[in-house]
Amino acid sequence: MTLPPGRLRVDGYGDSPALSRELLALIVSGRKRAGTGLLWALEHDGEDLPQVGDIELVIDHRHQPALVTRLTEVDIRAFDQVDARYAAIEGEGDGSLAFWRQAHEAFFGRECARIGRTPSPDMPVVCCVFELLSVVPGAEIGPGP
């Protein structure tokens, strides 16, 4: 596989095989064009902050290459400052801000527990909008067995 030029990042979506397959399917369908990470988790894990133009090799739940994306927008804001426009671009559930908050509050709660932090409404999140460049053949995308 040949990757386009740009700073390369490796990232995944979801913290379970089922959630990973579901989120990758949303990306492939065109519905999901954004992803959000917890800044504290990136810092804890020693990862560089994403930047516009980064090429992301998205891995599936098996840690195998699944997709290639390019970041087109990156913004750090407080969890409670994420707006309806961004939630709709992220494309999960019904696309509403209420769904986004509920799903991400649960996910970031698990992330905070993993890194020894306490979730809060003002916890910093990294909001990344991307474009899908390619799907890697053989990736586990969609409903599982």
N, C-alpha and C. Protein backbone atom coordinates (compact mmCIF):
# COMPACT_ATOMS: atom_id res chain seq x y z
N MET A 1 0.84 -1.17 0.00
CA MET A 1 0.00 0.00 0.00
C MET A 1 0.89 1.24 0.00
N THR A 2 0.58 2.17 -0.86
CA THR A 2 1.31 3.43 -0.92
C THR A 2 0.47 4.51 -0.26
N LEU A 3 1.08 5.23 0.67
CA LEU A 3 0.37 6.29 1.38
C LEU A 3 0.70 7.64 0.75
N PRO A 4 -0.26 8.56 0.75
CA PRO A 4 0.01 9.89 0.21
C PRO A 4 1.01 10.63 1.09
N PRO A 5 1.62 11.68 0.58
CA PRO A 5 2.58 12.42 1.39
C PRO A 5 1.88 13.13 2.55
N GLY A 6 2.61 13.31 3.61
CA GLY A 6 2.08 13.98 4.80
C GLY A 6 2.57 13.27 6.05
N ARG A 7 2.45 13.96 7.16
CA ARG A 7 2.84 13.36 8.43
C ARG A 7 1.89 12.20 8.72
N LEU A 8 2.43 11.04 9.05
CA LEU A 8 1.63 9.84 9.26
C LEU A 8 1.31 9.64 10.73
N ARG A 9 0.03 9.36 10.99
CA ARG A 9 -0.44 8.98 12.32
C ARG A 9 -1.14 7.62 12.18
N VAL A 10 -1.11 6.85 13.24
CA VAL A 10 -1.87 5.61 13.30
C VAL A 10 -2.93 5.80 14.37
N ASP A 11 -4.18 5.49 14.03
CA ASP A 11 -5.27 5.71 14.97
C ASP A 11 -6.32 4.62 14.75
N GLY A 12 -7.16 4.45 15.72
CA GLY A 12 -8.27 3.50 15.63
C GLY A 12 -9.53 4.15 16.14
N TYR A 13 -10.66 3.49 15.95
CA TYR A 13 -11.94 4.01 16.41
C TYR A 13 -12.61 2.95 17.27
N GLY A 14 -13.14 3.37 18.42
CA GLY A 14 -13.85 2.46 19.31
C GLY A 14 -12.91 1.72 20.23
N ASP A 15 -13.49 1.20 21.31
CA ASP A 15 -12.69 0.46 22.28
C ASP A 15 -13.19 -0.97 22.45
N SER A 16 -13.87 -1.47 21.42
CA SER A 16 -14.29 -2.87 21.38
C SER A 16 -14.36 -3.29 19.92
N PRO A 17 -14.29 -4.60 19.64
CA PRO A 17 -14.40 -5.03 18.24
C PRO A 17 -15.70 -4.57 17.58
N ALA A 18 -16.83 -4.68 18.28
CA ALA A 18 -18.12 -4.29 17.69
C ALA A 18 -18.17 -2.80 17.40
N LEU A 19 -17.72 -1.97 18.35
CA LEU A 19 -17.75 -0.53 18.12
C LEU A 19 -16.78 -0.13 17.01
N SER A 20 -15.63 -0.76 16.95
CA SER A 20 -14.66 -0.47 15.88
C SER A 20 -15.28 -0.77 14.52
N ARG A 21 -15.87 -1.95 14.36
CA ARG A 21 -16.48 -2.31 13.07
C ARG A 21 -17.60 -1.35 12.70
N GLU A 22 -18.42 -0.98 13.70
CA GLU A 22 -19.54 -0.06 13.46
C GLU A 22 -19.04 1.31 13.00
N LEU A 23 -18.03 1.85 13.69
CA LEU A 23 -17.54 3.19 13.34
C LEU A 23 -16.82 3.19 11.99
N LEU A 24 -16.07 2.15 11.70
CA LEU A 24 -15.41 2.06 10.39
C LEU A 24 -16.45 1.98 9.27
N ALA A 25 -17.55 1.25 9.52
CA ALA A 25 -18.62 1.17 8.51
C ALA A 25 -19.25 2.54 8.28
N LEU A 26 -19.43 3.32 9.34
CA LEU A 26 -19.98 4.67 9.18
C LEU A 26 -19.05 5.55 8.35
N ILE A 27 -17.75 5.38 8.52
CA ILE A 27 -16.79 6.15 7.72
C ILE A 27 -16.90 5.76 6.25
N VAL A 28 -16.89 4.46 5.99
CA VAL A 28 -16.95 3.98 4.61
C VAL A 28 -18.26 4.41 3.94
N SER A 29 -19.35 4.45 4.69
CA SER A 29 -20.65 4.85 4.12
C SER A 29 -20.71 6.35 3.81
N GLY A 30 -19.77 7.12 4.36
CA GLY A 30 -19.77 8.56 4.15
C GLY A 30 -20.50 9.34 5.22
N ARG A 31 -21.12 8.65 6.15
CA ARG A 31 -21.87 9.34 7.20
C ARG A 31 -20.97 9.94 8.27
N LYS A 32 -19.88 9.26 8.60
CA LYS A 32 -18.96 9.71 9.64
C LYS A 32 -17.75 10.36 8.99
N ARG A 33 -17.53 11.65 9.30
CA ARG A 33 -16.41 12.40 8.73
C ARG A 33 -15.63 13.14 9.81
N ALA A 34 -15.79 12.68 11.07
CA ALA A 34 -15.05 13.30 12.17
C ALA A 34 -14.86 12.28 13.28
N GLY A 35 -13.87 12.53 14.09
CA GLY A 35 -13.60 11.71 15.27
C GLY A 35 -13.04 12.59 16.37
N THR A 36 -13.33 12.21 17.60
CA THR A 36 -12.96 13.03 18.74
C THR A 36 -12.15 12.21 19.73
N GLY A 37 -11.05 12.77 20.17
CA GLY A 37 -10.22 12.12 21.17
C GLY A 37 -10.11 12.97 22.41
N LEU A 38 -9.76 12.35 23.50
CA LEU A 38 -9.56 13.05 24.77
C LEU A 38 -8.12 13.53 24.83
N LEU A 39 -7.94 14.84 24.92
CA LEU A 39 -6.59 15.41 24.96
C LEU A 39 -5.76 14.78 26.08
N TRP A 40 -6.36 14.60 27.23
CA TRP A 40 -5.63 14.00 28.35
C TRP A 40 -5.08 12.62 28.00
N ALA A 41 -5.85 11.82 27.25
CA ALA A 41 -5.41 10.48 26.86
C ALA A 41 -4.24 10.56 25.88
N LEU A 42 -4.31 11.50 24.92
CA LEU A 42 -3.19 11.68 23.99
C LEU A 42 -1.92 12.03 24.75
N GLU A 43 -2.04 12.97 25.70
CA GLU A 43 -0.89 13.38 26.49
C GLU A 43 -0.38 12.21 27.34
N HIS A 44 -1.28 11.48 27.97
CA HIS A 44 -0.91 10.34 28.80
C HIS A 44 -0.16 9.29 27.99
N ASP A 45 -0.62 9.06 26.76
CA ASP A 45 -0.01 8.03 25.90
C ASP A 45 1.21 8.54 25.14
N GLY A 46 1.57 9.82 25.32
CA GLY A 46 2.75 10.37 24.65
C GLY A 46 2.58 10.57 23.16
N GLU A 47 1.34 10.76 22.71
CA GLU A 47 1.07 10.95 21.28
C GLU A 47 1.13 12.42 20.91
N ASP A 48 1.59 12.69 19.69
CA ASP A 48 1.59 14.06 19.16
C ASP A 48 0.16 14.49 18.89
N LEU A 49 -0.06 15.79 19.00
CA LEU A 49 -1.38 16.32 18.64
C LEU A 49 -1.60 16.20 17.14
N PRO A 50 -2.80 15.82 16.72
CA PRO A 50 -3.10 15.79 15.28
C PRO A 50 -3.00 17.19 14.69
N GLN A 51 -2.68 17.24 13.39
CA GLN A 51 -2.58 18.51 12.68
C GLN A 51 -3.29 18.38 11.34
N VAL A 52 -3.83 19.50 10.86
CA VAL A 52 -4.43 19.53 9.53
C VAL A 52 -3.39 19.03 8.52
N GLY A 53 -3.83 18.14 7.63
CA GLY A 53 -2.94 17.57 6.62
C GLY A 53 -2.35 16.23 7.00
N ASP A 54 -2.44 15.85 8.29
CA ASP A 54 -1.94 14.54 8.70
C ASP A 54 -2.66 13.44 7.93
N ILE A 55 -1.91 12.42 7.56
CA ILE A 55 -2.46 11.21 6.97
C ILE A 55 -2.63 10.22 8.11
N GLU A 56 -3.84 9.67 8.23
CA GLU A 56 -4.08 8.69 9.29
C GLU A 56 -4.29 7.31 8.69
N LEU A 57 -3.49 6.38 9.16
CA LEU A 57 -3.69 4.98 8.86
C LEU A 57 -4.59 4.47 9.99
N VAL A 58 -5.85 4.25 9.67
CA VAL A 58 -6.82 3.83 10.67
C VAL A 58 -6.79 2.32 10.78
N ILE A 59 -6.59 1.84 12.00
CA ILE A 59 -6.52 0.40 12.23
C ILE A 59 -7.86 -0.11 12.74
N ASP A 60 -8.12 -1.40 12.48
CA ASP A 60 -9.35 -2.01 12.98
C ASP A 60 -9.08 -2.59 14.37
N HIS A 61 -10.05 -3.29 14.92
CA HIS A 61 -9.92 -3.83 16.27
C HIS A 61 -8.82 -4.89 16.40
N ARG A 62 -8.38 -5.43 15.28
CA ARG A 62 -7.28 -6.41 15.30
C ARG A 62 -5.93 -5.73 15.17
N HIS A 63 -5.96 -4.39 15.13
CA HIS A 63 -4.76 -3.57 14.94
C HIS A 63 -4.17 -3.75 13.55
N GLN A 64 -5.06 -4.04 12.58
CA GLN A 64 -4.67 -4.18 11.19
C GLN A 64 -5.13 -2.95 10.42
N PRO A 65 -4.39 -2.52 9.39
CA PRO A 65 -4.80 -1.36 8.59
C PRO A 65 -6.19 -1.57 8.00
N ALA A 66 -7.04 -0.52 8.10
CA ALA A 66 -8.40 -0.62 7.58
C ALA A 66 -8.72 0.51 6.60
N LEU A 67 -8.33 1.74 6.95
CA LEU A 67 -8.65 2.91 6.15
C LEU A 67 -7.47 3.87 6.12
N VAL A 68 -7.48 4.75 5.13
CA VAL A 68 -6.54 5.86 5.08
C VAL A 68 -7.36 7.13 4.98
N THR A 69 -7.10 8.08 5.88
CA THR A 69 -7.82 9.34 5.90
C THR A 69 -6.82 10.50 5.94
N ARG A 70 -7.33 11.70 5.64
CA ARG A 70 -6.52 12.92 5.76
C ARG A 70 -7.31 13.91 6.62
N LEU A 71 -6.64 14.49 7.63
CA LEU A 71 -7.29 15.46 8.50
C LEU A 71 -7.44 16.79 7.78
N THR A 72 -8.66 17.34 7.82
CA THR A 72 -8.94 18.62 7.16
C THR A 72 -9.23 19.74 8.16
N GLU A 73 -9.59 19.38 9.39
CA GLU A 73 -9.83 20.36 10.46
C GLU A 73 -9.41 19.71 11.77
N VAL A 74 -8.76 20.49 12.65
CA VAL A 74 -8.41 20.03 13.99
C VAL A 74 -8.69 21.19 14.94
N ASP A 75 -9.43 20.90 16.00
CA ASP A 75 -9.78 21.92 16.96
C ASP A 75 -9.83 21.30 18.35
N ILE A 76 -9.24 21.97 19.33
CA ILE A 76 -9.32 21.52 20.72
C ILE A 76 -10.31 22.43 21.43
N ARG A 77 -11.29 21.80 22.09
CA ARG A 77 -12.28 22.58 22.83
C ARG A 77 -12.73 21.77 24.04
N ALA A 78 -13.43 22.42 24.94
CA ALA A 78 -13.99 21.73 26.10
C ALA A 78 -15.11 20.80 25.64
N PHE A 79 -15.26 19.68 26.32
CA PHE A 79 -16.31 18.71 26.00
C PHE A 79 -17.66 19.40 25.86
N ASP A 80 -17.99 20.27 26.80
CA ASP A 80 -19.31 20.91 26.76
C ASP A 80 -19.42 22.04 25.75
N GLN A 81 -18.35 22.29 24.99
CA GLN A 81 -18.38 23.31 23.93
C GLN A 81 -18.50 22.70 22.53
N VAL A 82 -18.58 21.37 22.45
CA VAL A 82 -18.81 20.72 21.16
C VAL A 82 -20.23 21.07 20.73
N ASP A 83 -20.38 21.47 19.46
CA ASP A 83 -21.68 21.95 19.00
C ASP A 83 -22.38 20.94 18.08
N ALA A 84 -23.63 21.26 17.76
CA ALA A 84 -24.46 20.38 16.94
C ALA A 84 -23.88 20.16 15.55
N ARG A 85 -23.25 21.18 14.97
CA ARG A 85 -22.65 21.04 13.64
C ARG A 85 -21.60 19.94 13.65
N TYR A 86 -20.73 19.98 14.65
CA TYR A 86 -19.67 18.98 14.74
C TYR A 86 -20.26 17.59 15.02
N ALA A 87 -21.22 17.51 15.94
CA ALA A 87 -21.84 16.22 16.25
C ALA A 87 -22.44 15.58 14.99
N ALA A 88 -23.06 16.40 14.15
CA ALA A 88 -23.65 15.88 12.91
C ALA A 88 -22.57 15.36 11.97
N ILE A 89 -21.45 16.05 11.88
CA ILE A 89 -20.35 15.60 11.02
C ILE A 89 -19.78 14.29 11.54
N GLU A 90 -19.73 14.14 12.88
CA GLU A 90 -19.22 12.89 13.43
C GLU A 90 -20.12 11.72 13.06
N GLY A 91 -21.41 11.97 12.89
CA GLY A 91 -22.31 11.02 12.23
C GLY A 91 -22.68 9.76 12.98
N GLU A 92 -22.59 9.76 14.29
CA GLU A 92 -22.95 8.56 15.04
C GLU A 92 -24.38 8.66 15.55
N GLY A 93 -24.99 7.49 15.77
CA GLY A 93 -26.36 7.47 16.29
C GLY A 93 -27.30 8.22 15.37
N ASP A 94 -28.09 9.12 15.94
CA ASP A 94 -29.02 9.91 15.13
C ASP A 94 -28.39 11.22 14.65
N GLY A 95 -27.10 11.41 14.93
CA GLY A 95 -26.40 12.61 14.48
C GLY A 95 -26.64 13.83 15.34
N SER A 96 -27.38 13.67 16.43
CA SER A 96 -27.70 14.82 17.27
C SER A 96 -26.60 15.10 18.29
N LEU A 97 -26.60 16.31 18.79
CA LEU A 97 -25.67 16.69 19.85
C LEU A 97 -25.96 15.88 21.12
N ALA A 98 -27.24 15.62 21.41
CA ALA A 98 -27.59 14.84 22.61
C ALA A 98 -26.99 13.44 22.52
N PHE A 99 -27.11 12.78 21.34
CA PHE A 99 -26.51 11.46 21.19
C PHE A 99 -25.00 11.54 21.32
N TRP A 100 -24.39 12.54 20.66
CA TRP A 100 -22.94 12.70 20.72
C TRP A 100 -22.48 12.80 22.17
N ARG A 101 -23.14 13.65 22.94
CA ARG A 101 -22.73 13.85 24.34
C ARG A 101 -22.87 12.56 25.15
N GLN A 102 -23.98 11.86 24.97
CA GLN A 102 -24.20 10.63 25.73
C GLN A 102 -23.15 9.58 25.39
N ALA A 103 -22.92 9.34 24.10
CA ALA A 103 -21.96 8.32 23.68
C ALA A 103 -20.53 8.70 24.08
N HIS A 104 -20.17 9.96 23.91
CA HIS A 104 -18.80 10.36 24.21
C HIS A 104 -18.56 10.53 25.70
N GLU A 105 -19.58 10.86 26.45
CA GLU A 105 -19.43 10.91 27.90
C GLU A 105 -19.07 9.51 28.41
N ALA A 106 -19.74 8.49 27.88
CA ALA A 106 -19.44 7.11 28.27
C ALA A 106 -18.03 6.72 27.84
N PHE A 107 -17.67 7.00 26.59
CA PHE A 107 -16.35 6.63 26.08
C PHE A 107 -15.25 7.37 26.84
N PHE A 108 -15.40 8.69 27.01
CA PHE A 108 -14.37 9.45 27.71
C PHE A 108 -14.31 9.09 29.18
N GLY A 109 -15.42 8.63 29.75
CA GLY A 109 -15.39 8.12 31.12
C GLY A 109 -14.49 6.91 31.23
N ARG A 110 -14.59 6.01 30.24
CA ARG A 110 -13.70 4.83 30.24
C ARG A 110 -12.25 5.25 30.03
N GLU A 111 -12.03 6.22 29.13
CA GLU A 111 -10.67 6.72 28.90
C GLU A 111 -10.11 7.36 30.16
N CYS A 112 -10.91 8.17 30.86
CA CYS A 112 -10.45 8.82 32.09
C CYS A 112 -10.09 7.77 33.14
N ALA A 113 -10.91 6.73 33.27
CA ALA A 113 -10.61 5.66 34.22
C ALA A 113 -9.27 5.00 33.87
N ARG A 114 -9.02 4.81 32.58
CA ARG A 114 -7.78 4.16 32.13
C ARG A 114 -6.55 4.99 32.49
N ILE A 115 -6.67 6.31 32.44
CA ILE A 115 -5.50 7.17 32.66
C ILE A 115 -5.50 7.84 34.03
N GLY A 116 -6.47 7.51 34.88
CA GLY A 116 -6.49 8.05 36.23
C GLY A 116 -6.96 9.50 36.33
N ARG A 117 -7.86 9.91 35.46
CA ARG A 117 -8.42 11.27 35.49
C ARG A 117 -9.92 11.19 35.79
N THR A 118 -10.48 12.31 36.16
CA THR A 118 -11.91 12.41 36.43
C THR A 118 -12.58 13.18 35.31
N PRO A 119 -13.60 12.59 34.67
CA PRO A 119 -14.28 13.31 33.60
C PRO A 119 -14.95 14.58 34.13
N SER A 120 -15.03 15.58 33.28
CA SER A 120 -15.69 16.84 33.66
C SER A 120 -16.24 17.49 32.39
N PRO A 121 -17.21 18.39 32.54
CA PRO A 121 -17.77 19.07 31.37
C PRO A 121 -16.74 19.89 30.60
N ASP A 122 -15.69 20.35 31.28
CA ASP A 122 -14.69 21.17 30.60
C ASP A 122 -13.42 20.40 30.21
N MET A 123 -13.49 19.05 30.25
CA MET A 123 -12.31 18.28 29.84
C MET A 123 -12.01 18.57 28.37
N PRO A 124 -10.73 18.72 28.02
CA PRO A 124 -10.38 19.08 26.64
C PRO A 124 -10.48 17.89 25.69
N VAL A 125 -11.15 18.13 24.56
CA VAL A 125 -11.27 17.09 23.53
C VAL A 125 -10.69 17.62 22.22
N VAL A 126 -10.17 16.71 21.44
CA VAL A 126 -9.57 17.04 20.15
C VAL A 126 -10.55 16.62 19.07
N CYS A 127 -11.10 17.59 18.38
CA CYS A 127 -12.12 17.36 17.35
C CYS A 127 -11.45 17.39 15.98
N CYS A 128 -11.50 16.26 15.29
CA CYS A 128 -10.82 16.14 13.99
C CYS A 128 -11.82 15.79 12.90
N VAL A 129 -11.85 16.60 11.85
CA VAL A 129 -12.65 16.32 10.66
C VAL A 129 -11.69 15.76 9.61
N PHE A 130 -12.14 14.74 8.88
CA PHE A 130 -11.26 14.08 7.92
C PHE A 130 -11.98 13.77 6.62
N GLU A 131 -11.17 13.43 5.63
CA GLU A 131 -11.71 12.90 4.37
C GLU A 131 -11.17 11.48 4.20
N LEU A 132 -12.02 10.59 3.71
CA LEU A 132 -11.61 9.21 3.46
C LEU A 132 -10.86 9.15 2.14
N LEU A 133 -9.65 8.60 2.19
CA LEU A 133 -8.85 8.47 0.97
C LEU A 133 -8.94 7.07 0.38
N SER A 134 -8.92 6.04 1.24
CA SER A 134 -9.02 4.68 0.71
C SER A 134 -9.40 3.68 1.81
N VAL A 135 -9.94 2.55 1.36
CA VAL A 135 -10.28 1.43 2.22
C VAL A 135 -9.29 0.32 1.92
N VAL A 136 -8.71 -0.26 2.97
CA VAL A 136 -7.73 -1.33 2.80
C VAL A 136 -8.47 -2.65 2.61
N PRO A 137 -8.18 -3.39 1.54
CA PRO A 137 -8.84 -4.67 1.32
C PRO A 137 -8.62 -5.61 2.52
N GLY A 138 -9.67 -6.32 2.91
CA GLY A 138 -9.59 -7.28 4.00
C GLY A 138 -9.86 -6.70 5.38
N ALA A 139 -10.11 -5.40 5.47
CA ALA A 139 -10.39 -4.79 6.77
C ALA A 139 -11.72 -5.30 7.31
N GLU A 140 -11.80 -5.46 8.63
CA GLU A 140 -13.05 -5.89 9.26
C GLU A 140 -13.92 -4.70 9.54
N ILE A 141 -14.87 -4.48 8.64
CA ILE A 141 -15.75 -3.32 8.68
C ILE A 141 -17.19 -3.81 8.67
N GLY A 142 -18.02 -3.25 9.50
CA GLY A 142 -19.43 -3.63 9.53
C GLY A 142 -19.72 -4.68 10.57
N PRO A 143 -20.94 -5.22 10.57
CA PRO A 143 -21.34 -6.18 11.60
C PRO A 143 -20.41 -7.38 11.65
N GLY A 144 -20.15 -7.83 12.86
CA GLY A 144 -19.26 -8.98 13.04
C GLY A 144 -20.00 -10.29 12.88
N PRO A 145 -19.28 -11.36 13.10
CA PRO A 145 -19.87 -12.70 12.94
C PRO A 145 -20.96 -12.98 13.94
